[in-house]
Amino acid sequence: MDDFSRSWTALRTAVADLSDEDFAQPSGCTGWLVRDLVCHLIIDAQDILITLVTPAEAEPTRDAMTYWEVADTAPTGDDPLDALIVRLA
């Protein structure tokens, strides 16, 4: 839990003073703006917290190889939700 707390604090510190213009810049991850990456990291942090407080008795249904279901094609931008798909990927 200490690692999570340190990581969460580091993320919050890194983005605390960013301007709207900063969030609209490329992130260094091909095709992702800073806001896309930050949204993705926040959603993943929420998923981690949910997972930690939701124990299950059943065997896992996914493993490291089957966790992601990658689409064959990238979003085209025609659907208004395409940007959200990238942010929540």
PDB file of N, CA and C in Angstrom:
ATOM      1  N   MET A   1       0.822  -1.191   0.000  1.00  0.00           N
ATOM      2  CA  MET A   1       0.000   0.000   0.000  1.00  0.00           C
ATOM      3  C   MET A   1       0.863   1.250   0.000  1.00  0.00           C
ATOM      4  N   ASP A   2       2.062   1.154   0.603  1.00  0.00           N
ATOM      5  CA  ASP A   2       2.969   2.301   0.611  1.00  0.00           C
ATOM      6  C   ASP A   2       3.372   2.700  -0.811  1.00  0.00           C
ATOM      7  N   ASP A   3       3.637   1.696  -1.649  1.00  0.00           N
ATOM      8  CA  ASP A   3       4.003   1.998  -3.039  1.00  0.00           C
ATOM      9  C   ASP A   3       2.865   2.733  -3.746  1.00  0.00           C
ATOM     10  N   PHE A   4       1.645   2.283  -3.513  1.00  0.00           N
ATOM     11  CA  PHE A   4       0.494   2.942  -4.133  1.00  0.00           C
ATOM     12  C   PHE A   4       0.392   4.390  -3.650  1.00  0.00           C
ATOM     13  N   SER A   5       0.514   4.602  -2.355  1.00  0.00           N
ATOM     14  CA  SER A   5       0.413   5.955  -1.804  1.00  0.00           C
ATOM     15  C   SER A   5       1.486   6.876  -2.375  1.00  0.00           C
ATOM     16  N   ARG A   6       2.705   6.369  -2.478  1.00  0.00           N
ATOM     17  CA  ARG A   6       3.787   7.180  -3.043  1.00  0.00           C
ATOM     18  C   ARG A   6       3.530   7.489  -4.517  1.00  0.00           C
ATOM     19  N   SER A   7       3.071   6.511  -5.251  1.00  0.00           N
ATOM     20  CA  SER A   7       2.780   6.716  -6.674  1.00  0.00           C
ATOM     21  C   SER A   7       1.640   7.711  -6.874  1.00  0.00           C
ATOM     22  N   TRP A   8       0.599   7.581  -6.076  1.00  0.00           N
ATOM     23  CA  TRP A   8      -0.553   8.479  -6.175  1.00  0.00           C
ATOM     24  C   TRP A   8      -0.130   9.915  -5.850  1.00  0.00           C
ATOM     25  N   THR A   9       0.674  10.075  -4.808  1.00  0.00           N
ATOM     26  CA  THR A   9       1.174  11.407  -4.439  1.00  0.00           C
ATOM     27  C   THR A   9       2.040  11.981  -5.563  1.00  0.00           C
ATOM     28  N   ALA A  10       2.879  11.162  -6.151  1.00  0.00           N
ATOM     29  CA  ALA A  10       3.743  11.625  -7.242  1.00  0.00           C
ATOM     30  C   ALA A  10       2.914  12.066  -8.451  1.00  0.00           C
ATOM     31  N   LEU A  11       1.874  11.323  -8.790  1.00  0.00           N
ATOM     32  CA  LEU A  11       1.004  11.707  -9.905  1.00  0.00           C
ATOM     33  C   LEU A  11       0.317  13.031  -9.617  1.00  0.00           C
ATOM     34  N   ARG A  12      -0.256  13.157  -8.423  1.00  0.00           N
ATOM     35  CA  ARG A  12      -0.950  14.397  -8.058  1.00  0.00           C
ATOM     36  C   ARG A  12       0.008  15.591  -8.086  1.00  0.00           C
ATOM     37  N   THR A  13       1.210  15.389  -7.606  1.00  0.00           N
ATOM     38  CA  THR A  13       2.212  16.462  -7.599  1.00  0.00           C
ATOM     39  C   THR A  13       2.596  16.844  -9.029  1.00  0.00           C
ATOM     40  N   ALA A  14       2.755  15.841  -9.890  1.00  0.00           N
ATOM     41  CA  ALA A  14       3.180  16.090 -11.273  1.00  0.00           C
ATOM     42  C   ALA A  14       2.151  16.890 -12.066  1.00  0.00           C
ATOM     43  N   VAL A  15       0.878  16.717 -11.765  1.00  0.00           N
ATOM     44  CA  VAL A  15      -0.154  17.386 -12.565  1.00  0.00           C
ATOM     45  C   VAL A  15      -0.795  18.584 -11.873  1.00  0.00           C
ATOM     46  N   ALA A  16      -0.448  18.824 -10.628  1.00  0.00           N
ATOM     47  CA  ALA A  16      -1.128  19.856  -9.835  1.00  0.00           C
ATOM     48  C   ALA A  16      -1.078  21.239 -10.469  1.00  0.00           C
ATOM     49  N   ASP A  17       0.028  21.605 -11.038  1.00  0.00           N
ATOM     50  CA  ASP A  17       0.181  22.958 -11.568  1.00  0.00           C
ATOM     51  C   ASP A  17       0.087  23.032 -13.088  1.00  0.00           C
ATOM     52  N   LEU A  18      -0.364  21.965 -13.731  1.00  0.00           N
ATOM     53  CA  LEU A  18      -0.475  21.995 -15.192  1.00  0.00           C
ATOM     54  C   LEU A  18      -1.632  22.895 -15.615  1.00  0.00           C
ATOM     55  N   SER A  19      -1.417  23.635 -16.676  1.00  0.00           N
ATOM     56  CA  SER A  19      -2.464  24.491 -17.233  1.00  0.00           C
ATOM     57  C   SER A  19      -3.303  23.689 -18.230  1.00  0.00           C
ATOM     58  N   ASP A  20      -4.409  24.263 -18.662  1.00  0.00           N
ATOM     59  CA  ASP A  20      -5.233  23.616 -19.687  1.00  0.00           C
ATOM     60  C   ASP A  20      -4.404  23.347 -20.942  1.00  0.00           C
ATOM     61  N   GLU A  21      -3.515  24.281 -21.276  1.00  0.00           N
ATOM     62  CA  GLU A  21      -2.666  24.111 -22.460  1.00  0.00           C
ATOM     63  C   GLU A  21      -1.708  22.933 -22.275  1.00  0.00           C
ATOM     64  N   ASP A  22      -1.198  22.770 -21.055  1.00  0.00           N
ATOM     65  CA  ASP A  22      -0.311  21.638 -20.778  1.00  0.00           C
ATOM     66  C   ASP A  22      -1.030  20.314 -20.973  1.00  0.00           C
ATOM     67  N   PHE A  23      -2.274  20.238 -20.529  1.00  0.00           N
ATOM     68  CA  PHE A  23      -3.040  18.995 -20.668  1.00  0.00           C
ATOM     69  C   PHE A  23      -3.323  18.655 -22.126  1.00  0.00           C
ATOM     70  N   ALA A  24      -3.271  19.647 -23.006  1.00  0.00           N
ATOM     71  CA  ALA A  24      -3.549  19.432 -24.426  1.00  0.00           C
ATOM     72  C   ALA A  24      -2.291  19.078 -25.223  1.00  0.00           C
ATOM     73  N   GLN A  25      -1.136  18.963 -24.559  1.00  0.00           N
ATOM     74  CA  GLN A  25       0.125  18.647 -25.230  1.00  0.00           C
ATOM     75  C   GLN A  25       0.302  17.140 -25.370  1.00  0.00           C
ATOM     76  N   PRO A  26       1.117  16.707 -26.349  1.00  0.00           N
ATOM     77  CA  PRO A  26       1.440  15.277 -26.450  1.00  0.00           C
ATOM     78  C   PRO A  26       2.111  14.792 -25.167  1.00  0.00           C
ATOM     79  N   SER A  27       1.829  13.563 -24.794  1.00  0.00           N
ATOM     80  CA  SER A  27       2.324  13.030 -23.523  1.00  0.00           C
ATOM     81  C   SER A  27       3.656  12.310 -23.635  1.00  0.00           C
ATOM     82  N   GLY A  28       4.052  11.970 -24.811  1.00  0.00           N
ATOM     83  CA  GLY A  28       5.220  11.102 -24.969  1.00  0.00           C
ATOM     84  C   GLY A  28       4.795   9.674 -25.280  1.00  0.00           C
ATOM     85  N   CYS A  29       3.522   9.352 -25.028  1.00  0.00           N
ATOM     86  CA  CYS A  29       2.935   8.072 -25.436  1.00  0.00           C
ATOM     87  C   CYS A  29       2.256   8.335 -26.781  1.00  0.00           C
ATOM     88  N   THR A  30       2.704   7.703 -27.824  1.00  0.00           N
ATOM     89  CA  THR A  30       2.238   7.971 -29.172  1.00  0.00           C
ATOM     90  C   THR A  30       0.716   8.020 -29.246  1.00  0.00           C
ATOM     91  N   GLY A  31       0.198   9.161 -29.742  1.00  0.00           N
ATOM     92  CA  GLY A  31      -1.233   9.329 -29.937  1.00  0.00           C
ATOM     93  C   GLY A  31      -1.996   9.779 -28.700  1.00  0.00           C
ATOM     94  N   TRP A  32      -1.319   9.929 -27.566  1.00  0.00           N
ATOM     95  CA  TRP A  32      -1.991  10.282 -26.322  1.00  0.00           C
ATOM     96  C   TRP A  32      -1.587  11.687 -25.895  1.00  0.00           C
ATOM     97  N   LEU A  33      -2.561  12.507 -25.580  1.00  0.00           N
ATOM     98  CA  LEU A  33      -2.297  13.801 -24.976  1.00  0.00           C
ATOM     99  C   LEU A  33      -2.039  13.599 -23.484  1.00  0.00           C
ATOM    100  N   VAL A  34      -1.494  14.624 -22.831  1.00  0.00           N
ATOM    101  CA  VAL A  34      -1.266  14.542 -21.384  1.00  0.00           C
ATOM    102  C   VAL A  34      -2.571  14.208 -20.672  1.00  0.00           C
ATOM    103  N   ARG A  35      -3.682  14.835 -21.077  1.00  0.00           N
ATOM    104  CA  ARG A  35      -4.959  14.567 -20.400  1.00  0.00           C
ATOM    105  C   ARG A  35      -5.393  13.121 -20.579  1.00  0.00           C
ATOM    106  N   ASP A  36      -5.097  12.526 -21.738  1.00  0.00           N
ATOM    107  CA  ASP A  36      -5.434  11.120 -21.956  1.00  0.00           C
ATOM    108  C   ASP A  36      -4.672  10.233 -20.975  1.00  0.00           C
ATOM    109  N   LEU A  37      -3.380  10.500 -20.844  1.00  0.00           N
ATOM    110  CA  LEU A  37      -2.545   9.694 -19.965  1.00  0.00           C
ATOM    111  C   LEU A  37      -2.947   9.862 -18.500  1.00  0.00           C
ATOM    112  N   VAL A  38      -3.195  11.096 -18.077  1.00  0.00           N
ATOM    113  CA  VAL A  38      -3.599  11.346 -16.689  1.00  0.00           C
ATOM    114  C   VAL A  38      -4.928  10.651 -16.391  1.00  0.00           C
ATOM    115  N   CYS A  39      -5.877  10.762 -17.293  1.00  0.00           N
ATOM    116  CA  CYS A  39      -7.171  10.095 -17.091  1.00  0.00           C
ATOM    117  C   CYS A  39      -6.969   8.585 -16.968  1.00  0.00           C
ATOM    118  N   HIS A  40      -6.153   8.035 -17.840  1.00  0.00           N
ATOM    119  CA  HIS A  40      -5.874   6.597 -17.819  1.00  0.00           C
ATOM    120  C   HIS A  40      -5.274   6.177 -16.471  1.00  0.00           C
ATOM    121  N   LEU A  41      -4.325   6.956 -15.971  1.00  0.00           N
ATOM    122  CA  LEU A  41      -3.686   6.620 -14.702  1.00  0.00           C
ATOM    123  C   LEU A  41      -4.650   6.733 -13.524  1.00  0.00           C
ATOM    124  N   ILE A  42      -5.529   7.727 -13.553  1.00  0.00           N
ATOM    125  CA  ILE A  42      -6.516   7.877 -12.474  1.00  0.00           C
ATOM    126  C   ILE A  42      -7.503   6.717 -12.474  1.00  0.00           C
ATOM    127  N   ILE A  43      -7.991   6.350 -13.653  1.00  0.00           N
ATOM    128  CA  ILE A  43      -8.927   5.219 -13.743  1.00  0.00           C
ATOM    129  C   ILE A  43      -8.248   3.939 -13.262  1.00  0.00           C
ATOM    130  N   ASP A  44      -6.974   3.730 -13.639  1.00  0.00           N
ATOM    131  CA  ASP A  44      -6.256   2.538 -13.169  1.00  0.00           C
ATOM    132  C   ASP A  44      -6.089   2.552 -11.654  1.00  0.00           C
ATOM    133  N   ALA A  45      -5.817   3.721 -11.078  1.00  0.00           N
ATOM    134  CA  ALA A  45      -5.692   3.812  -9.620  1.00  0.00           C
ATOM    135  C   ALA A  45      -7.009   3.433  -8.951  1.00  0.00           C
ATOM    136  N   GLN A  46      -8.110   3.894  -9.508  1.00  0.00           N
ATOM    137  CA  GLN A  46      -9.420   3.530  -8.964  1.00  0.00           C
ATOM    138  C   GLN A  46      -9.649   2.025  -9.066  1.00  0.00           C
ATOM    139  N   ASP A  47      -9.252   1.454 -10.200  1.00  0.00           N
ATOM    140  CA  ASP A  47      -9.394   0.000 -10.372  1.00  0.00           C
ATOM    141  C   ASP A  47      -8.588  -0.762  -9.319  1.00  0.00           C
ATOM    142  N   ILE A  48      -7.373  -0.284  -9.030  1.00  0.00           N
ATOM    143  CA  ILE A  48      -6.537  -0.938  -8.014  1.00  0.00           C
ATOM    144  C   ILE A  48      -7.225  -0.895  -6.657  1.00  0.00           C
ATOM    145  N   LEU A  49      -7.731   0.278  -6.287  1.00  0.00           N
ATOM    146  CA  LEU A  49      -8.399   0.394  -4.987  1.00  0.00           C
ATOM    147  C   LEU A  49      -9.643  -0.486  -4.907  1.00  0.00           C
ATOM    148  N   ILE A  50     -10.415  -0.523  -5.960  1.00  0.00           N
ATOM    149  CA  ILE A  50     -11.607  -1.382  -5.986  1.00  0.00           C
ATOM    150  C   ILE A  50     -11.200  -2.849  -5.846  1.00  0.00           C
ATOM    151  N   THR A  51     -10.155  -3.236  -6.565  1.00  0.00           N
ATOM    152  CA  THR A  51      -9.685  -4.619  -6.509  1.00  0.00           C
ATOM    153  C   THR A  51      -9.215  -4.991  -5.103  1.00  0.00           C
ATOM    154  N   LEU A  52      -8.524  -4.078  -4.444  1.00  0.00           N
ATOM    155  CA  LEU A  52      -7.998  -4.375  -3.112  1.00  0.00           C
ATOM    156  C   LEU A  52      -9.085  -4.575  -2.061  1.00  0.00           C
ATOM    157  N   VAL A  53     -10.237  -3.974  -2.263  1.00  0.00           N
ATOM    158  CA  VAL A  53     -11.312  -4.106  -1.267  1.00  0.00           C
ATOM    159  C   VAL A  53     -12.426  -5.032  -1.735  1.00  0.00           C
ATOM    160  N   THR A  54     -12.194  -5.742  -2.837  1.00  0.00           N
ATOM    161  CA  THR A  54     -13.209  -6.640  -3.373  1.00  0.00           C
ATOM    162  C   THR A  54     -12.638  -8.045  -3.502  1.00  0.00           C
ATOM    163  N   PRO A  55     -12.444  -8.724  -2.386  1.00  0.00           N
ATOM    164  CA  PRO A  55     -11.903 -10.081  -2.465  1.00  0.00           C
ATOM    165  C   PRO A  55     -12.911 -11.031  -3.113  1.00  0.00           C
ATOM    166  N   ALA A  56     -12.377 -12.063  -3.715  1.00  0.00           N
ATOM    167  CA  ALA A  56     -13.236 -13.055  -4.363  1.00  0.00           C
ATOM    168  C   ALA A  56     -12.726 -14.444  -4.007  1.00  0.00           C
ATOM    169  N   GLU A  57     -13.635 -15.342  -3.842  1.00  0.00           N
ATOM    170  CA  GLU A  57     -13.279 -16.730  -3.564  1.00  0.00           C
ATOM    171  C   GLU A  57     -13.044 -17.517  -4.846  1.00  0.00           C
ATOM    172  N   ALA A  58     -13.636 -17.055  -5.955  1.00  0.00           N
ATOM    173  CA  ALA A  58     -13.538 -17.779  -7.227  1.00  0.00           C
ATOM    174  C   ALA A  58     -12.142 -17.640  -7.824  1.00  0.00           C
ATOM    175  N   GLU A  59     -11.811 -18.571  -8.685  1.00  0.00           N
ATOM    176  CA  GLU A  59     -10.544 -18.500  -9.413  1.00  0.00           C
ATOM    177  C   GLU A  59     -10.584 -17.312 -10.383  1.00  0.00           C
ATOM    178  N   PRO A  60      -9.441 -16.706 -10.676  1.00  0.00           N
ATOM    179  CA  PRO A  60      -9.405 -15.596 -11.634  1.00  0.00           C
ATOM    180  C   PRO A  60      -9.889 -16.043 -13.008  1.00  0.00           C
ATOM    181  N   THR A  61     -10.522 -15.119 -13.708  1.00  0.00           N
ATOM    182  CA  THR A  61     -10.993 -15.408 -15.071  1.00  0.00           C
ATOM    183  C   THR A  61     -10.041 -14.853 -16.119  1.00  0.00           C
ATOM    184  N   ARG A  62      -9.032 -14.114 -15.700  1.00  0.00           N
ATOM    185  CA  ARG A  62      -8.037 -13.527 -16.595  1.00  0.00           C
ATOM    186  C   ARG A  62      -6.651 -13.736 -16.017  1.00  0.00           C
ATOM    187  N   ASP A  63      -5.651 -13.658 -16.891  1.00  0.00           N
ATOM    188  CA  ASP A  63      -4.263 -13.660 -16.455  1.00  0.00           C
ATOM    189  C   ASP A  63      -3.529 -12.566 -17.221  1.00  0.00           C
ATOM    190  N   ALA A  64      -2.204 -12.497 -17.078  1.00  0.00           N
ATOM    191  CA  ALA A  64      -1.442 -11.429 -17.716  1.00  0.00           C
ATOM    192  C   ALA A  64      -1.583 -11.436 -19.238  1.00  0.00           C
ATOM    193  N   MET A  65      -1.795 -12.594 -19.819  1.00  0.00           N
ATOM    194  CA  MET A  65      -1.908 -12.686 -21.276  1.00  0.00           C
ATOM    195  C   MET A  65      -3.316 -12.374 -21.785  1.00  0.00           C
ATOM    196  N   THR A  66      -4.328 -12.572 -20.962  1.00  0.00           N
ATOM    197  CA  THR A  66      -5.703 -12.396 -21.437  1.00  0.00           C
ATOM    198  C   THR A  66      -6.399 -11.183 -20.825  1.00  0.00           C
ATOM    199  N   TYR A  67      -5.669 -10.370 -20.053  1.00  0.00           N
ATOM    200  CA  TYR A  67      -6.283  -9.232 -19.373  1.00  0.00           C
ATOM    201  C   TYR A  67      -6.864  -8.230 -20.353  1.00  0.00           C
ATOM    202  N   TRP A  68      -6.106  -7.887 -21.377  1.00  0.00           N
ATOM    203  CA  TRP A  68      -6.558  -6.896 -22.359  1.00  0.00           C
ATOM    204  C   TRP A  68      -7.141  -7.568 -23.581  1.00  0.00           C
ATOM    205  N   GLU A  69      -8.234  -7.031 -24.067  1.00  0.00           N
ATOM    206  CA  GLU A  69      -8.786  -7.446 -25.350  1.00  0.00           C
ATOM    207  C   GLU A  69      -8.543  -6.292 -26.315  1.00  0.00           C
ATOM    208  N   VAL A  70      -7.475  -6.403 -27.095  1.00  0.00           N
ATOM    209  CA  VAL A  70      -7.060  -5.324 -27.973  1.00  0.00           C
ATOM    210  C   VAL A  70      -7.860  -5.372 -29.267  1.00  0.00           C
ATOM    211  N   ALA A  71      -8.396  -4.211 -29.671  1.00  0.00           N
ATOM    212  CA  ALA A  71      -9.146  -4.126 -30.927  1.00  0.00           C
ATOM    213  C   ALA A  71      -8.173  -4.217 -32.099  1.00  0.00           C
ATOM    214  N   ASP A  72      -8.677  -4.683 -33.224  1.00  0.00           N
ATOM    215  CA  ASP A  72      -7.845  -4.805 -34.421  1.00  0.00           C
ATOM    216  C   ASP A  72      -7.579  -3.457 -35.082  1.00  0.00           C
ATOM    217  N   THR A  73      -8.441  -2.466 -34.811  1.00  0.00           N
ATOM    218  CA  THR A  73      -8.283  -1.155 -35.436  1.00  0.00           C
ATOM    219  C   THR A  73      -8.337  -0.065 -34.372  1.00  0.00           C
ATOM    220  N   ALA A  74      -7.607   0.994 -34.633  1.00  0.00           N
ATOM    221  CA  ALA A  74      -7.603   2.132 -33.710  1.00  0.00           C
ATOM    222  C   ALA A  74      -8.890   2.946 -33.893  1.00  0.00           C
ATOM    223  N   PRO A  75      -9.291   3.712 -32.884  1.00  0.00           N
ATOM    224  CA  PRO A  75     -10.453   4.583 -33.044  1.00  0.00           C
ATOM    225  C   PRO A  75     -10.226   5.559 -34.196  1.00  0.00           C
ATOM    226  N   THR A  76     -11.287   5.848 -34.949  1.00  0.00           N
ATOM    227  CA  THR A  76     -11.168   6.723 -36.119  1.00  0.00           C
ATOM    228  C   THR A  76     -11.357   8.187 -35.772  1.00  0.00           C
ATOM    229  N   GLY A  77     -11.983   8.462 -34.646  1.00  0.00           N
ATOM    230  CA  GLY A  77     -12.293   9.838 -34.288  1.00  0.00           C
ATOM    231  C   GLY A  77     -13.690  10.242 -34.714  1.00  0.00           C
ATOM    232  N   ASP A  78     -14.388   9.373 -35.449  1.00  0.00           N
ATOM    233  CA  ASP A  78     -15.745   9.669 -35.896  1.00  0.00           C
ATOM    234  C   ASP A  78     -16.759   9.595 -34.761  1.00  0.00           C
ATOM    235  N   ASP A  79     -16.509   8.727 -33.815  1.00  0.00           N
ATOM    236  CA  ASP A  79     -17.394   8.558 -32.666  1.00  0.00           C
ATOM    237  C   ASP A  79     -16.956   9.522 -31.568  1.00  0.00           C
ATOM    238  N   PRO A  80     -17.877  10.316 -31.008  1.00  0.00           N
ATOM    239  CA  PRO A  80     -17.495  11.240 -29.944  1.00  0.00           C
ATOM    240  C   PRO A  80     -16.842  10.546 -28.742  1.00  0.00           C
ATOM    241  N   LEU A  81     -17.083   9.255 -28.596  1.00  0.00           N
ATOM    242  CA  LEU A  81     -16.500   8.523 -27.469  1.00  0.00           C
ATOM    243  C   LEU A  81     -15.086   8.009 -27.775  1.00  0.00           C
ATOM    244  N   ASP A  82     -14.601   8.212 -29.012  1.00  0.00           N
ATOM    245  CA  ASP A  82     -13.272   7.707 -29.353  1.00  0.00           C
ATOM    246  C   ASP A  82     -12.183   8.230 -28.424  1.00  0.00           C
ATOM    247  N   ALA A  83     -12.224   9.505 -28.088  1.00  0.00           N
ATOM    248  CA  ALA A  83     -11.207  10.064 -27.177  1.00  0.00           C
ATOM    249  C   ALA A  83     -11.323   9.413 -25.809  1.00  0.00           C
ATOM    250  N   LEU A  84     -12.539   9.167 -25.355  1.00  0.00           N
ATOM    251  CA  LEU A  84     -12.726   8.522 -24.068  1.00  0.00           C
ATOM    252  C   LEU A  84     -12.198   7.100 -24.093  1.00  0.00           C
ATOM    253  N   ILE A  85     -12.363   6.421 -25.199  1.00  0.00           N
ATOM    254  CA  ILE A  85     -11.864   5.050 -25.315  1.00  0.00           C
ATOM    255  C   ILE A  85     -10.361   5.038 -25.086  1.00  0.00           C
ATOM    256  N   VAL A  86      -9.646   5.984 -25.673  1.00  0.00           N
ATOM    257  CA  VAL A  86      -8.197   6.058 -25.465  1.00  0.00           C
ATOM    258  C   VAL A  86      -7.891   6.357 -24.006  1.00  0.00           C
ATOM    259  N   ARG A  87      -8.608   7.311 -23.411  1.00  0.00           N
ATOM    260  CA  ARG A  87      -8.353   7.680 -22.021  1.00  0.00           C
ATOM    261  C   ARG A  87      -8.630   6.535 -21.062  1.00  0.00           C
ATOM    262  N   LEU A  88      -9.600   5.714 -21.371  1.00  0.00           N
ATOM    263  CA  LEU A  88      -9.972   4.642 -20.459  1.00  0.00           C
ATOM    264  C   LEU A  88      -9.364   3.297 -20.850  1.00  0.00           C
ATOM    265  N   ALA A  89      -8.550   3.303 -21.893  1.00  0.00           N
ATOM    266  CA  ALA A  89      -7.961   2.054 -22.366  1.00  0.00           C
ATOM    267  C   ALA A  89      -7.227   1.369 -21.242  1.00  0.00           C
TER     268      ALA A  89
END
